[in-house]
Amino acid sequence: MSIEDRIKATAKNIEGKIQEAVGEISGDPKDQAEGRAKQTEAKVRHTAEDVKDEIKKVID
């Protein structure tokens, strides 16, 4: 697993949370939806990294 990939996923999650919050404050549903989508993408990336870690453990 790459620490770099985890950092990118975490950054994407934070970016999504901020965008969703800005959308809520401004009342912009597009920003809210895009922010939630970024958070979902980050969760998928983290899950993929978790799977890679588990596979590596099994192989080692």
PDB file of N, CA and C in Angstrom:
ATOM      1  N   MET A   1       0.824  -1.165   0.000  1.00  0.00           N
ATOM      2  CA  MET A   1       0.000   0.000   0.000  1.00  0.00           C
ATOM      3  C   MET A   1       0.878   1.241   0.000  1.00  0.00           C
ATOM      4  N   SER A   2       0.397   2.199  -0.663  1.00  0.00           N
ATOM      5  CA  SER A   2       1.176   3.419  -0.789  1.00  0.00           C
ATOM      6  C   SER A   2       0.653   4.491   0.170  1.00  0.00           C
ATOM      7  N   ILE A   3       1.540   4.995   0.970  1.00  0.00           N
ATOM      8  CA  ILE A   3       1.190   6.096   1.866  1.00  0.00           C
ATOM      9  C   ILE A   3       0.725   7.278   1.025  1.00  0.00           C
ATOM     10  N   GLU A   4       1.375   7.463  -0.110  1.00  0.00           N
ATOM     11  CA  GLU A   4       1.023   8.567  -1.003  1.00  0.00           C
ATOM     12  C   GLU A   4      -0.437   8.450  -1.462  1.00  0.00           C
ATOM     13  N   ASP A   5      -0.872   7.237  -1.797  1.00  0.00           N
ATOM     14  CA  ASP A   5      -2.259   7.036  -2.218  1.00  0.00           C
ATOM     15  C   ASP A   5      -3.229   7.314  -1.078  1.00  0.00           C
ATOM     16  N   ARG A   6      -2.866   6.924   0.123  1.00  0.00           N
ATOM     17  CA  ARG A   6      -3.710   7.198   1.299  1.00  0.00           C
ATOM     18  C   ARG A   6      -3.825   8.711   1.533  1.00  0.00           C
ATOM     19  N   ILE A   7      -2.716   9.401   1.386  1.00  0.00           N
ATOM     20  CA  ILE A   7      -2.719  10.862   1.581  1.00  0.00           C
ATOM     21  C   ILE A   7      -3.608  11.528   0.535  1.00  0.00           C
ATOM     22  N   LYS A   8      -3.501  11.077  -0.704  1.00  0.00           N
ATOM     23  CA  LYS A   8      -4.344  11.643  -1.764  1.00  0.00           C
ATOM     24  C   LYS A   8      -5.820  11.394  -1.484  1.00  0.00           C
ATOM     25  N   ALA A   9      -6.147  10.200  -1.014  1.00  0.00           N
ATOM     26  CA  ALA A   9      -7.540   9.877  -0.701  1.00  0.00           C
ATOM     27  C   ALA A   9      -8.049  10.736   0.459  1.00  0.00           C
ATOM     28  N   THR A  10      -7.214  10.929   1.454  1.00  0.00           N
ATOM     29  CA  THR A  10      -7.600  11.764   2.592  1.00  0.00           C
ATOM     30  C   THR A  10      -7.795  13.210   2.148  1.00  0.00           C
ATOM     31  N   ALA A  11      -6.917  13.687   1.292  1.00  0.00           N
ATOM     32  CA  ALA A  11      -7.053  15.052   0.775  1.00  0.00           C
ATOM     33  C   ALA A  11      -8.339  15.201  -0.030  1.00  0.00           C
ATOM     34  N   LYS A  12      -8.670  14.187  -0.821  1.00  0.00           N
ATOM     35  CA  LYS A  12      -9.902  14.214  -1.614  1.00  0.00           C
ATOM     36  C   LYS A  12     -11.118  14.241  -0.692  1.00  0.00           C
ATOM     37  N   ASN A  13     -11.049  13.495   0.406  1.00  0.00           N
ATOM     38  CA  ASN A  13     -12.149  13.473   1.361  1.00  0.00           C
ATOM     39  C   ASN A  13     -12.339  14.853   2.003  1.00  0.00           C
ATOM     40  N   ILE A  14     -11.247  15.453   2.412  1.00  0.00           N
ATOM     41  CA  ILE A  14     -11.315  16.784   3.022  1.00  0.00           C
ATOM     42  C   ILE A  14     -11.851  17.798   2.018  1.00  0.00           C
ATOM     43  N   GLU A  15     -11.356  17.723   0.797  1.00  0.00           N
ATOM     44  CA  GLU A  15     -11.829  18.620  -0.260  1.00  0.00           C
ATOM     45  C   GLU A  15     -13.340  18.463  -0.448  1.00  0.00           C
ATOM     46  N   GLY A  16     -13.803  17.222  -0.435  1.00  0.00           N
ATOM     47  CA  GLY A  16     -15.229  16.962  -0.598  1.00  0.00           C
ATOM     48  C   GLY A  16     -16.051  17.504   0.551  1.00  0.00           C
ATOM     49  N   LYS A  17     -15.553  17.348   1.772  1.00  0.00           N
ATOM     50  CA  LYS A  17     -16.270  17.870   2.944  1.00  0.00           C
ATOM     51  C   LYS A  17     -16.391  19.388   2.872  1.00  0.00           C
ATOM     52  N   ILE A  18     -15.301  20.026   2.472  1.00  0.00           N
ATOM     53  CA  ILE A  18     -15.323  21.487   2.359  1.00  0.00           C
ATOM     54  C   ILE A  18     -16.306  21.925   1.271  1.00  0.00           C
ATOM     55  N   GLN A  19     -16.237  21.264   0.124  1.00  0.00           N
ATOM     56  CA  GLN A  19     -17.120  21.629  -0.973  1.00  0.00           C
ATOM     57  C   GLN A  19     -18.582  21.413  -0.595  1.00  0.00           C
ATOM     58  N   GLU A  20     -18.868  20.319   0.083  1.00  0.00           N
ATOM     59  CA  GLU A  20     -20.244  20.060   0.515  1.00  0.00           C
ATOM     60  C   GLU A  20     -20.707  21.133   1.498  1.00  0.00           C
ATOM     61  N   ALA A  21     -19.835  21.513   2.436  1.00  0.00           N
ATOM     62  CA  ALA A  21     -20.187  22.543   3.411  1.00  0.00           C
ATOM     63  C   ALA A  21     -20.432  23.892   2.733  1.00  0.00           C
ATOM     64  N   VAL A  22     -19.592  24.235   1.768  1.00  0.00           N
ATOM     65  CA  VAL A  22     -19.771  25.488   1.031  1.00  0.00           C
ATOM     66  C   VAL A  22     -21.100  25.451   0.284  1.00  0.00           C
ATOM     67  N   GLY A  23     -21.421  24.302  -0.290  1.00  0.00           N
ATOM     68  CA  GLY A  23     -22.690  24.155  -0.986  1.00  0.00           C
ATOM     69  C   GLY A  23     -23.878  24.307  -0.061  1.00  0.00           C
ATOM     70  N   GLU A  24     -23.737  23.785   1.159  1.00  0.00           N
ATOM     71  CA  GLU A  24     -24.819  23.930   2.137  1.00  0.00           C
ATOM     72  C   GLU A  24     -24.988  25.392   2.548  1.00  0.00           C
ATOM     73  N   ILE A  25     -23.876  26.070   2.756  1.00  0.00           N
ATOM     74  CA  ILE A  25     -23.926  27.472   3.169  1.00  0.00           C
ATOM     75  C   ILE A  25     -24.499  28.345   2.055  1.00  0.00           C
ATOM     76  N   SER A  26     -24.059  28.097   0.839  1.00  0.00           N
ATOM     77  CA  SER A  26     -24.493  28.929  -0.283  1.00  0.00           C
ATOM     78  C   SER A  26     -25.831  28.468  -0.871  1.00  0.00           C
ATOM     79  N   GLY A  27     -26.270  27.276  -0.473  1.00  0.00           N
ATOM     80  CA  GLY A  27     -27.519  26.747  -1.014  1.00  0.00           C
ATOM     81  C   GLY A  27     -27.368  26.173  -2.416  1.00  0.00           C
ATOM     82  N   ASP A  28     -26.153  25.827  -2.777  1.00  0.00           N
ATOM     83  CA  ASP A  28     -25.883  25.300  -4.122  1.00  0.00           C
ATOM     84  C   ASP A  28     -25.900  23.770  -4.094  1.00  0.00           C
ATOM     85  N   PRO A  29     -26.970  23.164  -4.602  1.00  0.00           N
ATOM     86  CA  PRO A  29     -27.057  21.696  -4.562  1.00  0.00           C
ATOM     87  C   PRO A  29     -25.983  21.006  -5.409  1.00  0.00           C
ATOM     88  N   LYS A  30     -25.500  21.687  -6.455  1.00  0.00           N
ATOM     89  CA  LYS A  30     -24.450  21.101  -7.294  1.00  0.00           C
ATOM     90  C   LYS A  30     -23.166  20.927  -6.489  1.00  0.00           C
ATOM     91  N   ASP A  31     -22.778  21.955  -5.732  1.00  0.00           N
ATOM     92  CA  ASP A  31     -21.587  21.854  -4.892  1.00  0.00           C
ATOM     93  C   ASP A  31     -21.762  20.774  -3.823  1.00  0.00           C
ATOM     94  N   GLN A  32     -22.941  20.703  -3.254  1.00  0.00           N
ATOM     95  CA  GLN A  32     -23.208  19.675  -2.241  1.00  0.00           C
ATOM     96  C   GLN A  32     -23.011  18.284  -2.838  1.00  0.00           C
ATOM     97  N   ALA A  33     -23.595  18.067  -4.009  1.00  0.00           N
ATOM     98  CA  ALA A  33     -23.509  16.760  -4.664  1.00  0.00           C
ATOM     99  C   ALA A  33     -22.069  16.434  -5.063  1.00  0.00           C
ATOM    100  N   GLU A  34     -21.365  17.413  -5.601  1.00  0.00           N
ATOM    101  CA  GLU A  34     -19.974  17.184  -5.990  1.00  0.00           C
ATOM    102  C   GLU A  34     -19.108  16.885  -4.765  1.00  0.00           C
ATOM    103  N   GLY A  35     -19.384  17.564  -3.676  1.00  0.00           N
ATOM    104  CA  GLY A  35     -18.641  17.316  -2.441  1.00  0.00           C
ATOM    105  C   GLY A  35     -18.881  15.909  -1.925  1.00  0.00           C
ATOM    106  N   ARG A  36     -20.126  15.473  -1.937  1.00  0.00           N
ATOM    107  CA  ARG A  36     -20.435  14.102  -1.506  1.00  0.00           C
ATOM    108  C   ARG A  36     -19.792  13.078  -2.438  1.00  0.00           C
ATOM    109  N   ALA A  37     -19.771  13.386  -3.741  1.00  0.00           N
ATOM    110  CA  ALA A  37     -19.152  12.469  -4.711  1.00  0.00           C
ATOM    111  C   ALA A  37     -17.653  12.327  -4.434  1.00  0.00           C
ATOM    112  N   LYS A  38     -17.001  13.426  -4.107  1.00  0.00           N
ATOM    113  CA  LYS A  38     -15.567  13.377  -3.794  1.00  0.00           C
ATOM    114  C   LYS A  38     -15.319  12.550  -2.531  1.00  0.00           C
ATOM    115  N   GLN A  39     -16.200  12.685  -1.550  1.00  0.00           N
ATOM    116  CA  GLN A  39     -16.056  11.906  -0.328  1.00  0.00           C
ATOM    117  C   GLN A  39     -16.230  10.418  -0.616  1.00  0.00           C
ATOM    118  N   THR A  40     -17.183  10.100  -1.482  1.00  0.00           N
ATOM    119  CA  THR A  40     -17.400   8.704  -1.864  1.00  0.00           C
ATOM    120  C   THR A  40     -16.184   8.157  -2.599  1.00  0.00           C
ATOM    121  N   GLU A  41     -15.640   8.961  -3.496  1.00  0.00           N
ATOM    122  CA  GLU A  41     -14.431   8.547  -4.225  1.00  0.00           C
ATOM    123  C   GLU A  41     -13.291   8.261  -3.242  1.00  0.00           C
ATOM    124  N   ALA A  42     -13.153   9.103  -2.234  1.00  0.00           N
ATOM    125  CA  ALA A  42     -12.100   8.903  -1.235  1.00  0.00           C
ATOM    126  C   ALA A  42     -12.316   7.601  -0.476  1.00  0.00           C
ATOM    127  N   LYS A  43     -13.564   7.303  -0.124  1.00  0.00           N
ATOM    128  CA  LYS A  43     -13.860   6.049   0.579  1.00  0.00           C
ATOM    129  C   LYS A  43     -13.492   4.849  -0.293  1.00  0.00           C
ATOM    130  N   VAL A  44     -13.802   4.943  -1.580  1.00  0.00           N
ATOM    131  CA  VAL A  44     -13.472   3.847  -2.495  1.00  0.00           C
ATOM    132  C   VAL A  44     -11.953   3.673  -2.571  1.00  0.00           C
ATOM    133  N   ARG A  45     -11.229   4.772  -2.642  1.00  0.00           N
ATOM    134  CA  ARG A  45      -9.764   4.693  -2.703  1.00  0.00           C
ATOM    135  C   ARG A  45      -9.195   4.055  -1.432  1.00  0.00           C
ATOM    136  N   HIS A  46      -9.744   4.462  -0.269  1.00  0.00           N
ATOM    137  CA  HIS A  46      -9.281   3.875   0.989  1.00  0.00           C
ATOM    138  C   HIS A  46      -9.594   2.379   1.033  1.00  0.00           C
ATOM    139  N   THR A  47     -10.759   1.998   0.573  1.00  0.00           N
ATOM    140  CA  THR A  47     -11.136   0.587   0.555  1.00  0.00           C
ATOM    141  C   THR A  47     -10.209  -0.202  -0.363  1.00  0.00           C
ATOM    142  N   ALA A  48      -9.895   0.358  -1.509  1.00  0.00           N
ATOM    143  CA  ALA A  48      -8.971  -0.307  -2.438  1.00  0.00           C
ATOM    144  C   ALA A  48      -7.608  -0.507  -1.783  1.00  0.00           C
ATOM    145  N   GLU A  49      -7.149   0.490  -1.065  1.00  0.00           N
ATOM    146  CA  GLU A  49      -5.862   0.370  -0.375  1.00  0.00           C
ATOM    147  C   GLU A  49      -5.940  -0.687   0.727  1.00  0.00           C
ATOM    148  N   ASP A  50      -7.072  -0.763   1.423  1.00  0.00           N
ATOM    149  CA  ASP A  50      -7.253  -1.787   2.450  1.00  0.00           C
ATOM    150  C   ASP A  50      -7.190  -3.182   1.830  1.00  0.00           C
ATOM    151  N   VAL A  51      -7.837  -3.329   0.690  1.00  0.00           N
ATOM    152  CA  VAL A  51      -7.815  -4.623  -0.005  1.00  0.00           C
ATOM    153  C   VAL A  51      -6.392  -4.973  -0.422  1.00  0.00           C
ATOM    154  N   LYS A  52      -5.674  -4.015  -0.960  1.00  0.00           N
ATOM    155  CA  LYS A  52      -4.286  -4.253  -1.350  1.00  0.00           C
ATOM    156  C   LYS A  52      -3.461  -4.699  -0.146  1.00  0.00           C
ATOM    157  N   ASP A  53      -3.675  -4.037   1.005  1.00  0.00           N
ATOM    158  CA  ASP A  53      -2.955  -4.408   2.215  1.00  0.00           C
ATOM    159  C   ASP A  53      -3.251  -5.851   2.630  1.00  0.00           C
ATOM    160  N   GLU A  54      -4.509  -6.223   2.580  1.00  0.00           N
ATOM    161  CA  GLU A  54      -4.900  -7.576   2.978  1.00  0.00           C
ATOM    162  C   GLU A  54      -4.313  -8.623   2.033  1.00  0.00           C
ATOM    163  N   ILE A  55      -4.332  -8.329   0.746  1.00  0.00           N
ATOM    164  CA  ILE A  55      -3.768  -9.253  -0.231  1.00  0.00           C
ATOM    165  C   ILE A  55      -2.272  -9.406   0.012  1.00  0.00           C
ATOM    166  N   LYS A  56      -1.608  -8.304   0.279  1.00  0.00           N
ATOM    167  CA  LYS A  56      -0.163  -8.358   0.544  1.00  0.00           C
ATOM    168  C   LYS A  56       0.128  -9.199   1.778  1.00  0.00           C
ATOM    169  N   LYS A  57      -0.704  -9.068   2.834  1.00  0.00           N
ATOM    170  CA  LYS A  57      -0.518  -9.857   4.040  1.00  0.00           C
ATOM    171  C   LYS A  57      -0.652 -11.349   3.738  1.00  0.00           C
ATOM    172  N   VAL A  58      -1.631 -11.695   2.904  1.00  0.00           N
ATOM    173  CA  VAL A  58      -1.853 -13.097   2.570  1.00  0.00           C
ATOM    174  C   VAL A  58      -0.684 -13.643   1.770  1.00  0.00           C
ATOM    175  N   ILE A  59      -0.181 -12.850   0.845  1.00  0.00           N
ATOM    176  CA  ILE A  59       0.935 -13.291  -0.003  1.00  0.00           C
ATOM    177  C   ILE A  59       2.215 -13.436   0.815  1.00  0.00           C
ATOM    178  N   ASP A  60       2.433 -12.501   1.733  1.00  0.00           N
ATOM    179  CA  ASP A  60       3.652 -12.543   2.566  1.00  0.00           C
ATOM    180  C   ASP A  60       3.473 -13.599   3.595  1.00  0.00           C
TER     181      ASP A  60
END
